[in-house]
C-alpha atoms as a PDB file:
ATOM      1  CA  MET A   1      20.057 -42.293  38.083  1.00  0.00           C
ATOM      2  CA  LEU A   2      21.627 -39.515  36.050  1.00  0.00           C
ATOM      3  CA  ALA A   3      18.252 -37.859  35.452  1.00  0.00           C
ATOM      4  CA  LEU A   4      17.448 -38.092  39.171  1.00  0.00           C
ATOM      5  CA  ALA A   5      20.763 -36.460  40.057  1.00  0.00           C
ATOM      6  CA  VAL A   6      20.137 -33.608  37.606  1.00  0.00           C
ATOM      7  CA  LEU A   7      16.634 -33.082  39.052  1.00  0.00           C
ATOM      8  CA  LEU A   8      17.969 -32.953  42.630  1.00  0.00           C
ATOM      9  CA  LEU A   9      20.701 -30.536  41.572  1.00  0.00           C
ATOM     10  CA  SER A  10      18.163 -28.211  39.925  1.00  0.00           C
ATOM     11  CA  LEU A  11      15.977 -28.255  43.039  1.00  0.00           C
ATOM     12  CA  LEU A  12      18.866 -27.588  45.415  1.00  0.00           C
ATOM     13  CA  CYS A  13      20.447 -24.906  43.224  1.00  0.00           C
ATOM     14  CA  PRO A  14      17.641 -22.904  41.616  1.00  0.00           C
ATOM     15  CA  GLY A  15      20.098 -20.224  40.542  1.00  0.00           C
ATOM     16  CA  LEU A  16      21.562 -22.649  37.993  1.00  0.00           C
ATOM     17  CA  GLN A  17      18.302 -22.811  36.056  1.00  0.00           C
ATOM     18  CA  GLN A  18      18.253 -20.941  32.738  1.00  0.00           C
ATOM     19  CA  LYS A  19      16.457 -17.585  32.662  1.00  0.00           C
ATOM     20  CA  SER A  20      15.488 -15.436  29.741  1.00  0.00           C
ATOM     21  CA  GLU A  21      16.774 -12.316  31.543  1.00  0.00           C
ATOM     22  CA  PRO A  22      20.562 -12.020  31.020  1.00  0.00           C
ATOM     23  CA  LEU A  23      22.525 -12.241  34.259  1.00  0.00           C
ATOM     24  CA  SER A  24      25.076  -9.602  35.266  1.00  0.00           C
ATOM     25  CA  SER A  25      28.223 -10.170  37.269  1.00  0.00           C
ATOM     26  CA  PRO A  26      28.307  -9.010  40.931  1.00  0.00           C
ATOM     27  CA  GLY A  27      30.644  -6.118  40.148  1.00  0.00           C
ATOM     28  CA  SER A  28      28.903  -4.914  36.977  1.00  0.00           C
ATOM     29  CA  GLU A  29      26.242  -2.272  36.627  1.00  0.00           C
ATOM     30  CA  PRO A  30      22.591  -3.346  36.842  1.00  0.00           C
ATOM     31  CA  LEU A  31      20.673  -3.995  33.631  1.00  0.00           C
ATOM     32  CA  PHE A  32      19.387  -0.856  31.950  1.00  0.00           C
ATOM     33  CA  ARG A  33      15.635  -0.679  31.690  1.00  0.00           C
ATOM     34  CA  GLY A  34      14.936   2.171  29.311  1.00  0.00           C
ATOM     35  CA  ALA A  35      11.493   3.325  28.233  1.00  0.00           C
ATOM     36  CA  ASP A  36      12.105   3.269  24.468  1.00  0.00           C
ATOM     37  CA  ARG A  37       9.194   4.377  22.330  1.00  0.00           C
ATOM     38  CA  TYR A  38       8.643   5.121  18.654  1.00  0.00           C
ATOM     39  CA  ASP A  39       5.919   6.704  16.545  1.00  0.00           C
ATOM     40  CA  PHE A  40       6.022   7.043  12.764  1.00  0.00           C
ATOM     41  CA  ALA A  41       4.014   6.291   9.620  1.00  0.00           C
ATOM     42  CA  VAL A  42       4.751   3.552   7.112  1.00  0.00           C
ATOM     43  CA  VAL A  43       3.299   2.849   3.656  1.00  0.00           C
ATOM     44  CA  VAL A  44       2.367  -0.807   3.042  1.00  0.00           C
ATOM     45  CA  GLY A  45       2.049  -1.868  -0.578  1.00  0.00           C
ATOM     46  CA  PRO A  46      -0.753  -3.977  -2.104  1.00  0.00           C
ATOM     47  CA  ALA A  47      -1.024  -7.285  -0.214  1.00  0.00           C
ATOM     48  CA  GLY A  48       2.287  -6.392   1.434  1.00  0.00           C
ATOM     49  CA  THR A  49       3.672  -6.856   4.923  1.00  0.00           C
ATOM     50  CA  GLU A  50       5.936  -4.623   7.025  1.00  0.00           C
ATOM     51  CA  CYS A  51       7.579  -5.991  10.193  1.00  0.00           C
ATOM     52  CA  PHE A  52       9.623  -4.334  12.929  1.00  0.00           C
ATOM     53  CA  TRP A  53      11.662  -5.719  15.823  1.00  0.00           C
ATOM     54  CA  HIS A  54      11.875  -4.021  19.219  1.00  0.00           C
ATOM     55  CA  PHE A  55      14.057  -5.189  22.115  1.00  0.00           C
ATOM     56  CA  ALA A  56      12.515  -5.560  25.576  1.00  0.00           C
ATOM     57  CA  HIS A  57      13.551  -7.050  28.910  1.00  0.00           C
ATOM     58  CA  GLN A  58      11.283  -9.415  30.751  1.00  0.00           C
ATOM     59  CA  SER A  59       8.803  -8.040  33.326  1.00  0.00           C
ATOM     60  CA  GLY A  60       8.159  -5.021  31.107  1.00  0.00           C
ATOM     61  CA  TYR A  61       4.943  -3.631  29.649  1.00  0.00           C
ATOM     62  CA  PHE A  62       4.774  -3.545  25.856  1.00  0.00           C
ATOM     63  CA  TYR A  63       2.227  -1.431  23.977  1.00  0.00           C
ATOM     64  CA  PHE A  64       1.554  -1.334  20.241  1.00  0.00           C
ATOM     65  CA  GLY A  65      -0.988   1.010  18.652  1.00  0.00           C
ATOM     66  CA  TYR A  66      -1.781   1.556  14.981  1.00  0.00           C
ATOM     67  CA  GLU A  67      -4.259   3.399  12.764  1.00  0.00           C
ATOM     68  CA  VAL A  68      -4.815   3.510   8.996  1.00  0.00           C
ATOM     69  CA  GLN A  69      -4.494   7.097   7.761  1.00  0.00           C
ATOM     70  CA  TRP A  70      -5.220   6.810   4.037  1.00  0.00           C
ATOM     71  CA  THR A  71      -5.489   4.362   1.169  1.00  0.00           C
ATOM     72  CA  SER A  72      -4.646   4.758  -2.519  1.00  0.00           C
ATOM     73  CA  GLY A  73      -5.560   2.710  -5.551  1.00  0.00           C
ATOM     74  CA  ILE A  74      -8.645   0.724  -6.516  1.00  0.00           C
ATOM     75  CA  MET A  75     -10.859  -1.487  -4.320  1.00  0.00           C
ATOM     76  CA  GLN A  76      -9.849   0.489  -1.226  1.00  0.00           C
ATOM     77  CA  ASP A  77     -10.329  -1.160   2.162  1.00  0.00           C
ATOM     78  CA  ARG A  78      -9.060   0.492   5.341  1.00  0.00           C
ATOM     79  CA  HIS A  79      -8.799  -2.745   7.337  1.00  0.00           C
ATOM     80  CA  VAL A  80      -5.319  -4.142   7.996  1.00  0.00           C
ATOM     81  CA  SER A  81      -3.955  -6.962  10.129  1.00  0.00           C
ATOM     82  CA  ALA A  82      -1.590  -6.203  13.026  1.00  0.00           C
ATOM     83  CA  SER A  83       0.185  -8.879  15.043  1.00  0.00           C
ATOM     84  CA  ALA A  84       2.773  -9.137  17.825  1.00  0.00           C
ATOM     85  CA  HIS A  85       5.142 -12.096  18.261  1.00  0.00           C
ATOM     86  CA  ASP A  86       7.459 -13.059  21.103  1.00  0.00           C
ATOM     87  CA  PRO A  87      11.227 -13.620  20.622  1.00  0.00           C
ATOM     88  CA  GLN A  88      10.543 -17.302  19.860  1.00  0.00           C
ATOM     89  CA  GLY A  89       8.222 -16.343  16.984  1.00  0.00           C
ATOM     90  CA  PHE A  90       4.947 -17.346  18.660  1.00  0.00           C
ATOM     91  CA  LEU A  91       1.897 -15.149  18.163  1.00  0.00           C
ATOM     92  CA  ILE A  92       0.941 -13.097  21.236  1.00  0.00           C
ATOM     93  CA  GLU A  93      -2.063 -11.159  19.935  1.00  0.00           C
ATOM     94  CA  SER A  94      -3.491  -9.888  16.650  1.00  0.00           C
ATOM     95  CA  SER A  95      -5.981  -7.266  15.483  1.00  0.00           C
ATOM     96  CA  LYS A  96      -7.830  -6.828  12.154  1.00  0.00           C
ATOM     97  CA  GLU A  97      -9.412  -3.380  12.453  1.00  0.00           C
ATOM     98  CA  VAL A  98      -8.846   0.109  11.060  1.00  0.00           C
ATOM     99  CA  ARG A  99      -7.284   1.128  14.376  1.00  0.00           C
ATOM    100  CA  GLY A 100      -6.329  -0.878  17.435  1.00  0.00           C
ATOM    101  CA  GLN A 101      -4.004  -1.450  20.363  1.00  0.00           C
ATOM    102  CA  ILE A 102      -2.108  -4.530  21.514  1.00  0.00           C
ATOM    103  CA  ASN A 103      -0.834  -4.450  25.102  1.00  0.00           C
ATOM    104  CA  PHE A 104       0.942  -7.280  26.897  1.00  0.00           C
ATOM    105  CA  GLN A 105       3.549  -7.970  29.576  1.00  0.00           C
ATOM    106  CA  THR A 106       6.914  -9.232  28.377  1.00  0.00           C
ATOM    107  CA  LYS A 107       7.731 -12.644  29.849  1.00  0.00           C
ATOM    108  CA  GLU A 108      11.208 -13.024  28.368  1.00  0.00           C
ATOM    109  CA  THR A 109      14.051 -10.873  27.142  1.00  0.00           C
ATOM    110  CA  GLY A 110      14.611 -10.523  23.417  1.00  0.00           C
ATOM    111  CA  PHE A 111      13.421  -8.899  20.223  1.00  0.00           C
ATOM    112  CA  TYR A 112       9.630  -8.773  19.845  1.00  0.00           C
ATOM    113  CA  GLN A 113       8.268  -8.719  16.306  1.00  0.00           C
ATOM    114  CA  LEU A 114       5.491  -6.358  15.209  1.00  0.00           C
ATOM    115  CA  CYS A 115       3.889  -6.811  11.779  1.00  0.00           C
ATOM    116  CA  ILE A 116       1.369  -4.886   9.660  1.00  0.00           C
ATOM    117  CA  ASN A 117      -0.243  -6.831   6.810  1.00  0.00           C
ATOM    118  CA  ASN A 118      -2.268  -5.189   4.020  1.00  0.00           C
ATOM    119  CA  TRP A 119      -4.186  -8.414   3.474  1.00  0.00           C
ATOM    120  CA  LYS A 120      -7.477  -7.004   2.140  1.00  0.00           C
ATOM    121  CA  ASN A 121      -6.057  -4.688  -0.526  1.00  0.00           C
ATOM    122  CA  SER A 122      -4.599  -6.507  -3.500  1.00  0.00           C
ATOM    123  CA  PHE A 123      -4.475  -3.380  -5.710  1.00  0.00           C
ATOM    124  CA  SER A 124      -4.036  -0.446  -3.294  1.00  0.00           C
ATOM    125  CA  SER A 125      -1.544   0.813  -0.737  1.00  0.00           C
ATOM    126  CA  VAL A 126      -2.222   2.042   2.802  1.00  0.00           C
ATOM    127  CA  GLN A 127      -0.391   4.400   5.130  1.00  0.00           C
ATOM    128  CA  VAL A 128      -0.424   3.204   8.733  1.00  0.00           C
ATOM    129  CA  TYR A 129       0.601   5.272  11.744  1.00  0.00           C
ATOM    130  CA  LEU A 130       2.469   3.196  14.346  1.00  0.00           C
ATOM    131  CA  ASN A 131       3.088   3.867  18.020  1.00  0.00           C
ATOM    132  CA  PHE A 132       4.913   1.249  20.080  1.00  0.00           C
ATOM    133  CA  GLY A 133       7.332   0.963  22.970  1.00  0.00           C
ATOM    134  CA  VAL A 134       8.048  -0.665  26.296  1.00  0.00           C
ATOM    135  CA  PHE A 135       8.218   0.698  29.830  1.00  0.00           C
ATOM    136  CA  TYR A 136       9.093  -0.751  33.214  1.00  0.00           C
ATOM    137  CA  ASP A 137       7.751  -0.103  36.684  1.00  0.00           C
ATOM    138  CA  GLY A 138      11.207  -0.126  38.278  1.00  0.00           C
ATOM    139  CA  GLN A 139      10.756  -3.545  39.879  1.00  0.00           C
ATOM    140  CA  GLY A 140      13.276  -6.335  39.348  1.00  0.00           C
ATOM    141  CA  PRO A 141      16.190  -8.197  40.899  1.00  0.00           C
ATOM    142  CA  GLU A 142      18.482  -5.178  40.536  1.00  0.00           C
ATOM    143  CA  HIS A 143      16.003  -2.979  42.454  1.00  0.00           C
ATOM    144  CA  SER A 144      15.493  -5.271  45.460  1.00  0.00           C
ATOM    145  CA  GLN A 145      16.565  -3.364  48.591  1.00  0.00           C
ATOM    146  CA  ASP A 146      15.444  -3.045  52.150  1.00  0.00           C
ATOM    147  CA  ASP A 147      12.202  -1.033  52.437  1.00  0.00           C
ATOM    148  CA  LYS A 148      13.407   0.745  55.563  1.00  0.00           C
ATOM    149  CA  GLN A 149      16.598   1.802  53.856  1.00  0.00           C
ATOM    150  CA  LYS A 150      14.594   3.163  50.901  1.00  0.00           C
ATOM    151  CA  LEU A 151      12.490   5.308  53.205  1.00  0.00           C
ATOM    152  CA  ASN A 152      15.560   6.648  55.046  1.00  0.00           C
ATOM    153  CA  ASP A 153      17.596   7.344  51.950  1.00  0.00           C
ATOM    154  CA  THR A 154      16.550  10.672  50.455  1.00  0.00           C
ATOM    155  CA  LEU A 155      18.254  10.101  47.121  1.00  0.00           C
ATOM    156  CA  ILE A 156      16.476   6.810  46.530  1.00  0.00           C
ATOM    157  CA  THR A 157      13.147   8.421  47.454  1.00  0.00           C
ATOM    158  CA  ILE A 158      13.759  11.196  44.927  1.00  0.00           C
ATOM    159  CA  GLU A 159      14.737   8.623  42.299  1.00  0.00           C
ATOM    160  CA  GLN A 160      11.548   6.654  42.889  1.00  0.00           C
ATOM    161  CA  SER A 161       9.473   9.821  42.612  1.00  0.00           C
ATOM    162  CA  ALA A 162      11.231  10.736  39.370  1.00  0.00           C
ATOM    163  CA  GLN A 163      10.587   7.256  37.960  1.00  0.00           C
ATOM    164  CA  LEU A 164       6.933   7.512  38.940  1.00  0.00           C
ATOM    165  CA  VAL A 165       6.609  10.895  37.226  1.00  0.00           C
ATOM    166  CA  GLN A 166       8.365   9.490  34.164  1.00  0.00           C
ATOM    167  CA  VAL A 167       5.882   6.620  33.928  1.00  0.00           C
ATOM    168  CA  ARG A 168       2.937   9.032  34.311  1.00  0.00           C
ATOM    169  CA  VAL A 169       4.359  11.287  31.594  1.00  0.00           C
ATOM    170  CA  LEU A 170       4.828   8.234  29.361  1.00  0.00           C
ATOM    171  CA  HIS A 171       1.152   7.309  29.741  1.00  0.00           C
ATOM    172  CA  MET A 172       0.135  10.893  28.959  1.00  0.00           C
ATOM    173  CA  TRP A 173       2.351  10.773  25.875  1.00  0.00           C
ATOM    174  CA  ARG A 174       0.674   7.529  24.780  1.00  0.00           C
ATOM    175  CA  TYR A 175      -2.796   9.061  25.017  1.00  0.00           C
ATOM    176  CA  TYR A 176      -1.596  12.168  23.191  1.00  0.00           C
ATOM    177  CA  THR A 177      -0.079  10.045  20.405  1.00  0.00           C
ATOM    178  CA  PHE A 178      -3.286   8.049  20.029  1.00  0.00           C
ATOM    179  CA  ALA A 179      -5.283  11.304  19.766  1.00  0.00           C
ATOM    180  CA  ARG A 180      -2.809  12.530  17.140  1.00  0.00           C
ATOM    181  CA  MET A 181      -3.322   9.289  15.218  1.00  0.00           C
ATOM    182  CA  ARG A 182      -7.071   9.942  15.140  1.00  0.00           C
ATOM    183  CA  LYS A 183      -6.542  13.563  14.096  1.00  0.00           C
ATOM    184  CA  GLY A 184      -4.165  12.565  11.300  1.00  0.00           C
ATOM    185  CA  SER A 185      -6.624   9.984  10.001  1.00  0.00           C
ATOM    186  CA  ASP A 186      -9.449  12.536  10.001  1.00  0.00           C
ATOM    187  CA  TYR A 187      -7.224  15.045   8.185  1.00  0.00           C
ATOM    188  CA  TYR A 188      -6.344  12.613   5.379  1.00  0.00           C
ATOM    189  CA  ARG A 189      -9.992  11.614   5.023  1.00  0.00           C
ATOM    190  CA  LEU A 190     -11.025  15.280   4.791  1.00  0.00           C
ATOM    191  CA  MET A 191      -8.389  15.969   2.133  1.00  0.00           C
ATOM    192  CA  SER A 192      -9.495  12.901   0.179  1.00  0.00           C
ATOM    193  CA  ASN A 193     -13.124  14.051   0.214  1.00  0.00           C
ATOM    194  CA  TYR A 194     -12.029  17.574  -0.734  1.00  0.00           C
ATOM    195  CA  HIS A 195     -10.131  16.381  -3.826  1.00  0.00           C
ATOM    196  CA  TYR A 196     -12.981  14.011  -4.699  1.00  0.00           C
ATOM    197  CA  VAL A 197     -15.555  16.833  -4.654  1.00  0.00           C
ATOM    198  CA  ASN A 198     -13.274  19.171  -6.634  1.00  0.00           C
ATOM    199  CA  TRP A 199     -12.615  16.617  -9.380  1.00  0.00           C
ATOM    200  CA  TRP A 200     -16.276  15.705  -9.717  1.00  0.00           C
ATOM    201  CA  SER A 201     -17.290  19.382  -9.767  1.00  0.00           C
ATOM    202  CA  ALA A 202     -14.731  20.153 -12.483  1.00  0.00           C
ATOM    203  CA  GLY A 203     -15.806  17.112 -14.518  1.00  0.00           C
ATOM    204  CA  THR A 204     -19.498  18.022 -14.225  1.00  0.00           C
ATOM    205  CA  SER A 205     -18.780  21.620 -15.294  1.00  0.00           C
ATOM    206  CA  VAL A 206     -16.854  20.453 -18.368  1.00  0.00           C
ATOM    207  CA  LEU A 207     -19.677  18.028 -19.242  1.00  0.00           C
ATOM    208  CA  ILE A 208     -22.288  20.816 -19.009  1.00  0.00           C
ATOM    209  CA  VAL A 209     -20.251  23.153 -21.227  1.00  0.00           C
ATOM    210  CA  VAL A 210     -19.624  20.457 -23.848  1.00  0.00           C
ATOM    211  CA  SER A 211     -23.325  19.506 -23.851  1.00  0.00           C
ATOM    212  CA  GLY A 212     -24.322  23.155 -24.403  1.00  0.00           C
ATOM    213  CA  VAL A 213     -21.879  23.559 -27.282  1.00  0.00           C
ATOM    214  CA  LEU A 214     -23.115  20.360 -28.954  1.00  0.00           C
ATOM    215  CA  GLN A 215     -26.772  21.395 -28.554  1.00  0.00           C
ATOM    216  CA  LEU A 216     -26.047  24.809 -30.105  1.00  0.00           C
ATOM    217  CA  TYR A 217     -24.184  23.153 -32.971  1.00  0.00           C
ATOM    218  CA  PHE A 218     -27.043  20.770 -33.839  1.00  0.00           C
ATOM    219  CA  LEU A 219     -29.649  23.550 -33.546  1.00  0.00           C
ATOM    220  CA  LYS A 220     -27.708  25.690 -36.032  1.00  0.00           C
ATOM    221  CA  ARG A 221     -27.561  22.764 -38.435  1.00  0.00           C
ATOM    222  CA  LEU A 222     -31.359  22.464 -38.343  1.00  0.00           C
ATOM    223  CA  PHE A 223     -31.762  26.058 -39.579  1.00  0.00           C
ATOM    224  CA  ASN A 224     -28.887  25.922 -42.034  1.00  0.00           C
ATOM    225  CA  SER A 225     -30.203  26.770 -45.615  1.00  0.00           C
ATOM    226  CA  LYS A 226     -28.325  26.935 -48.923  1.00  0.00           C
ATOM    227  CA  PRO A 227     -28.293  30.244 -50.854  1.00  0.00           C
ATOM    228  CA  MET A 228     -30.705  30.311 -53.855  1.00  0.00           C
ATOM    229  CA  THR A 229     -29.442  31.120 -57.347  1.00  0.00           C
ATOM    230  CA  GLU A 230     -31.029  31.101 -60.791  1.00  0.00           C
ATOM    231  CA  THR A 231     -29.827  27.588 -61.468  1.00  0.00           C
ATOM    232  CA  GLN A 232     -30.631  26.291 -58.012  1.00  0.00           C
ATOM    233  CA  LYS A 233     -34.187  27.099 -57.029  1.00  0.00           C
ATOM    234  CA  PRO A 234     -36.332  25.324 -54.509  1.00  0.00           C
ATOM    235  CA  ARG A 235     -38.675  22.791 -56.007  1.00  0.00           C
ATOM    236  CA  CYS A 236     -42.240  22.237 -54.962  1.00  0.00           C
END
């Protein structure tokens, strides 16, 4: 009977059900939905893991992009493992490529975990460029108003237009950041090849010079003859 009463109470009062989005009091300000974003590079050690936590409200759009810029050490492999987890710790999506993107819609409010694992390199480090953030489309309980009032209110119309422009600029910034990731990776690869060619050229030049000196030394020894004296004369 107690379970039946609880079930009827939950059906009659849906507002009493627990939600992942924190509730605000009637007189408080609406929840802030900021478009936080970050882009930086991190060095992951041999067989190491780096994790980051980013807060997001529910009904948001989370994006996570990464790209390996360079590797150092022996047995170099540019593949890493990237994963995203929800606030409960469950895996949302993973990627095991040199570069990739993980996009998903946030279903609950909390700290989402992003991890980079250098699982293929046991003796070398990698530098990974990260680009992640969350944005919102301006829809939610705190934005629910009458459509006619929105059209008649000039300030709200301007605010909606500004939010739309902000979202468009955010997408442009994402594409620009991804292009910069590719450019940075190409730059580090070019510098690596440049140093590789220079070191091999210098080593080959030193080897050629040393080989010439050794050949000249052994040739001179072949024609080296002792001076003849009266006591030391060549014998037949």
